Amino acid sequence: MSYAMTHLAVAKEINDMLNIANDLPQFFMGALAPDSVHFRENYHSDMKKKSHYIPGLKPWGTIESIEECDEWLTCVIPKLRENRPHNDYYMGYLIHILTDIWNTRENFIYYGEWCTRENIPKDAYYNEQVHFDTALYNTAPWRKTIWAHLAKARGEAVNGVVEAEEAEKYKDFVFRACNDGIRKQSYSKTRMTFDDNIEFIKRSADEIARILY
């Protein structure tokens, strides 16, 4: 639900609080990895549902309630327990999913109503995430440090849901998309501001840190 720069920002906040990662390149690479299924041949949304450990029969992007977010969370918590002593790549991977759960809980489930009221398509949500990614790329003081870590990172396969090669391709896409500025906004309106997203990063990092330890 969040885009790459927001995922990296949350992962960084959590590591700053808890100092959980020994291998920072792999930790940040893992924080991108669940979305790498987009680079699979014949991609369809069920692949993303699987890579994000979403329960039940609902398709990706259709969770509509706090209760469904809570059910999603209960599917991820056991994965955290299995990752002890933890693998840094997989810890980043799980933090990515937890960030998406919090973003869905705080933002995405309310987006349809806002789009109806503003008379714009619901895919304006993704336009908003592009806006936040671009602003973070241009302003975050930590971006160059994390870019250097990612440049040294390698993709890893995860439990049959993500392949190492896909993760490598997604990292290359994120580098190109951010460095070249090729991701364009389609709508001028956003439900949240950039400052709102900064506050979301802090809140979700706090909530996820409480879950982790």
Protein backbone atom coordinates (compact mmCIF):
# COMPACT_ATOMS: atom_id res chain seq x y z
CA MET A 1 0.00 0.00 0.00
CA SER A 2 2.85 2.36 0.83
CA TYR A 3 5.52 2.95 -1.80
CA ALA A 4 9.24 2.26 -1.61
CA MET A 5 10.53 5.41 0.10
CA THR A 6 7.90 5.23 2.83
CA HIS A 7 8.76 1.56 3.44
CA LEU A 8 12.44 2.43 3.72
CA ALA A 9 11.64 5.34 6.05
CA VAL A 10 9.63 3.15 8.42
CA ALA A 11 12.33 0.47 8.42
CA LYS A 12 14.96 3.10 9.22
CA GLU A 13 12.87 4.56 12.07
CA ILE A 14 12.43 1.11 13.60
CA ASN A 15 16.12 0.27 13.34
CA ASP A 16 17.02 3.64 14.85
CA MET A 17 14.80 2.79 17.83
CA LEU A 18 15.64 -0.89 18.28
CA ASN A 19 19.00 -1.43 16.53
CA ILE A 20 17.71 -4.76 15.22
CA ALA A 21 19.69 -5.06 11.98
CA ASN A 22 23.28 -6.24 11.76
CA ASP A 23 23.30 -6.34 7.95
CA LEU A 24 21.77 -3.04 6.90
CA PRO A 25 22.00 -3.64 3.13
CA GLN A 26 19.98 -6.84 3.44
CA PHE A 27 17.58 -5.31 5.97
CA PHE A 28 16.65 -2.46 3.63
CA MET A 29 16.53 -4.80 0.64
CA GLY A 30 14.04 -6.94 2.55
CA ALA A 31 11.95 -3.83 3.24
CA LEU A 32 11.37 -3.53 -0.53
CA ALA A 33 11.04 -7.22 -1.38
CA PRO A 34 7.31 -8.03 -0.95
CA ASP A 35 6.43 -5.72 -3.85
CA SER A 36 8.95 -7.35 -6.18
CA VAL A 37 6.35 -9.84 -7.43
CA HIS A 38 5.31 -7.05 -9.82
CA PHE A 39 8.30 -8.13 -11.89
CA ARG A 40 7.16 -11.71 -12.24
CA GLU A 41 6.13 -12.91 -15.68
CA ASN A 42 2.33 -12.96 -16.01
CA TYR A 43 1.94 -11.03 -12.75
CA HIS A 44 -1.53 -10.88 -11.24
CA SER A 45 -2.70 -9.46 -7.91
CA ASP A 46 -3.05 -12.86 -6.21
CA MET A 47 0.75 -13.04 -6.27
CA LYS A 48 0.94 -9.84 -4.24
CA LYS A 49 -1.70 -11.11 -1.84
CA LYS A 50 0.47 -14.17 -1.28
CA SER A 51 3.71 -12.22 -0.89
CA HIS A 52 2.02 -10.03 1.75
CA TYR A 53 0.48 -12.94 3.70
CA ILE A 54 -3.08 -11.67 3.29
CA PRO A 55 -5.65 -14.15 4.63
CA GLY A 56 -8.98 -15.23 3.21
CA LEU A 57 -10.46 -14.87 -0.23
CA LYS A 58 -10.46 -11.09 -0.68
CA PRO A 59 -8.32 -9.84 -3.58
CA TRP A 60 -5.34 -7.55 -3.04
CA GLY A 61 -6.40 -3.95 -2.43
CA THR A 62 -9.94 -4.72 -1.22
CA ILE A 63 -9.53 -4.78 2.56
CA GLU A 64 -12.17 -2.39 3.86
CA SER A 65 -12.31 -2.57 7.67
CA ILE A 66 -10.28 -2.46 10.86
CA GLU A 67 -11.40 -6.04 11.56
CA GLU A 68 -9.90 -7.25 8.28
CA CYS A 69 -6.66 -5.41 9.11
CA ASP A 70 -6.59 -7.17 12.49
CA GLU A 71 -7.09 -10.54 10.77
CA TRP A 72 -4.21 -9.72 8.42
CA LEU A 73 -2.02 -8.85 11.41
CA THR A 74 -2.78 -12.18 13.10
CA CYS A 75 -1.36 -13.92 10.02
CA VAL A 76 1.90 -11.97 10.21
CA ILE A 77 2.62 -12.21 13.95
CA PRO A 78 3.54 -15.94 13.77
CA LYS A 79 6.01 -15.13 10.97
CA LEU A 80 7.80 -12.78 13.38
CA ARG A 81 8.04 -15.51 16.01
CA GLU A 82 9.46 -17.92 13.42
CA ASN A 83 12.19 -15.40 12.57
CA ARG A 84 14.11 -15.71 15.85
CA PRO A 85 17.06 -15.46 15.88
CA HIS A 86 16.12 -13.19 13.08
CA ASN A 87 17.33 -12.93 9.52
CA ASP A 88 17.80 -9.23 8.68
CA TYR A 89 16.39 -9.57 5.17
CA TYR A 90 13.26 -11.33 6.39
CA MET A 91 12.85 -8.85 9.25
CA GLY A 92 12.82 -6.04 6.68
CA TYR A 93 10.36 -8.08 4.64
CA LEU A 94 7.96 -8.44 7.58
CA ILE A 95 8.29 -4.75 8.51
CA HIS A 96 7.21 -3.92 4.95
CA ILE A 97 4.04 -5.97 5.43
CA LEU A 98 3.34 -4.49 8.86
CA THR A 99 3.72 -1.00 7.36
CA ASP A 100 1.16 -1.90 4.70
CA ILE A 101 -1.22 -3.15 7.39
CA TRP A 102 -0.93 0.15 9.26
CA ASN A 103 -1.30 2.18 6.09
CA THR A 104 -4.42 0.22 5.18
CA ARG A 105 -5.76 0.66 8.70
CA GLU A 106 -5.11 4.40 8.90
CA ASN A 107 -5.51 5.52 5.29
CA PHE A 108 -6.55 3.14 2.55
CA ILE A 109 -9.86 1.93 4.00
CA TYR A 110 -11.10 5.55 4.10
CA TYR A 111 -9.95 6.42 0.60
CA GLY A 112 -12.97 5.26 -1.37
CA GLU A 113 -15.30 7.59 0.53
CA TRP A 114 -12.94 10.53 -0.01
CA CYS A 115 -12.63 9.81 -3.73
CA THR A 116 -16.41 9.64 -4.08
CA ARG A 117 -16.79 12.96 -2.29
CA GLU A 118 -14.06 14.60 -4.41
CA ASN A 119 -15.32 12.93 -7.62
CA ILE A 120 -11.97 11.45 -8.58
CA PRO A 121 -10.99 7.81 -9.27
CA LYS A 122 -9.78 5.67 -6.38
CA ASP A 123 -6.44 5.17 -8.12
CA ALA A 124 -5.69 8.72 -6.96
CA TYR A 125 -4.41 6.88 -3.87
CA TYR A 126 -1.44 5.62 -5.87
CA ASN A 127 -0.87 9.09 -7.26
CA GLU A 128 -0.65 10.28 -3.65
CA GLN A 129 1.94 7.63 -2.82
CA VAL A 130 4.05 8.72 -5.81
CA HIS A 131 3.90 12.27 -4.47
CA PHE A 132 5.17 11.12 -1.06
CA ASP A 133 7.91 8.97 -2.59
CA THR A 134 9.17 11.84 -4.72
CA ALA A 135 9.17 14.26 -1.80
CA LEU A 136 10.99 11.79 0.46
CA TYR A 137 13.57 11.10 -2.23
CA ASN A 138 14.23 14.82 -2.64
CA THR A 139 14.26 15.81 1.04
CA ALA A 140 15.15 12.87 3.30
CA PRO A 141 18.65 13.38 4.77
CA TRP A 142 19.10 9.59 5.07
CA ARG A 143 18.31 8.77 1.44
CA LYS A 144 21.91 8.68 0.17
CA THR A 145 22.99 6.43 3.03
CA ILE A 146 20.21 3.93 2.38
CA TRP A 147 20.87 4.10 -1.39
CA ALA A 148 24.48 3.12 -0.64
CA HIS A 149 23.30 0.18 1.46
CA LEU A 150 20.90 -0.96 -1.26
CA ALA A 151 23.63 -0.75 -3.90
CA LYS A 152 25.48 -3.47 -1.95
CA ALA A 153 22.40 -5.60 -1.24
CA ARG A 154 21.39 -8.79 -3.00
CA GLY A 155 17.98 -10.34 -3.51
CA GLU A 156 16.97 -13.37 -1.49
CA ALA A 157 14.15 -15.84 -2.01
CA VAL A 158 11.44 -15.88 0.66
CA ASN A 159 9.51 -19.05 1.44
CA GLY A 160 8.39 -19.66 -2.11
CA VAL A 161 6.55 -16.31 -2.35
CA VAL A 162 9.34 -14.07 -3.68
CA GLU A 163 12.35 -15.01 -5.80
CA ALA A 164 15.80 -13.45 -5.47
CA GLU A 165 15.86 -12.32 -9.10
CA GLU A 166 12.54 -10.50 -8.68
CA ALA A 167 13.89 -8.59 -5.68
CA GLU A 168 16.93 -7.53 -7.72
CA LYS A 169 14.72 -6.29 -10.54
CA TYR A 170 12.53 -4.33 -8.15
CA LYS A 171 15.55 -2.67 -6.53
CA ASP A 172 16.76 -1.62 -9.98
CA PHE A 173 13.30 -0.23 -10.77
CA VAL A 174 13.22 1.81 -7.56
CA PHE A 175 16.66 3.24 -8.34
CA ARG A 176 15.62 4.17 -11.88
CA ALA A 177 12.21 5.52 -10.94
CA CYS A 178 13.50 7.76 -8.18
CA ASN A 179 16.83 8.79 -9.73
CA ASP A 180 15.35 9.57 -13.16
CA GLY A 181 12.16 11.18 -11.91
CA ILE A 182 9.99 9.11 -14.26
CA ARG A 183 7.09 8.62 -11.84
CA LYS A 184 4.52 11.29 -12.58
CA GLN A 185 1.46 12.47 -10.69
CA SER A 186 -1.87 12.11 -12.47
CA TYR A 187 -4.05 14.13 -10.07
CA SER A 188 -3.40 17.37 -8.21
CA LYS A 189 -5.57 16.50 -5.18
CA THR A 190 -4.35 14.36 -2.31
CA ARG A 191 -6.21 13.19 0.79
CA MET A 192 -3.06 13.40 2.90
CA THR A 193 -0.26 15.94 2.84
CA PHE A 194 3.44 15.13 2.84
CA ASP A 195 3.58 16.18 6.49
CA ASP A 196 0.73 13.74 7.21
CA ASN A 197 2.82 10.97 5.68
CA ILE A 198 5.82 11.92 7.84
CA GLU A 199 3.59 11.61 10.89
CA PHE A 200 2.28 8.27 9.60
CA ILE A 201 5.88 7.01 9.27
CA LYS A 202 6.57 7.91 12.91
CA ARG A 203 3.31 6.44 14.24
CA SER A 204 3.57 3.20 12.31
CA ALA A 205 7.23 2.77 13.31
CA ASP A 206 6.22 3.18 16.96
CA GLU A 207 3.39 0.66 16.62
CA ILE A 208 5.52 -1.89 14.77
CA ALA A 209 8.36 -1.49 17.27
CA ARG A 210 5.92 -2.38 20.07
CA ILE A 211 4.95 -5.53 18.15
CA LEU A 212 8.54 -6.54 17.53
CA TYR A 213 9.76 -6.10 21.11
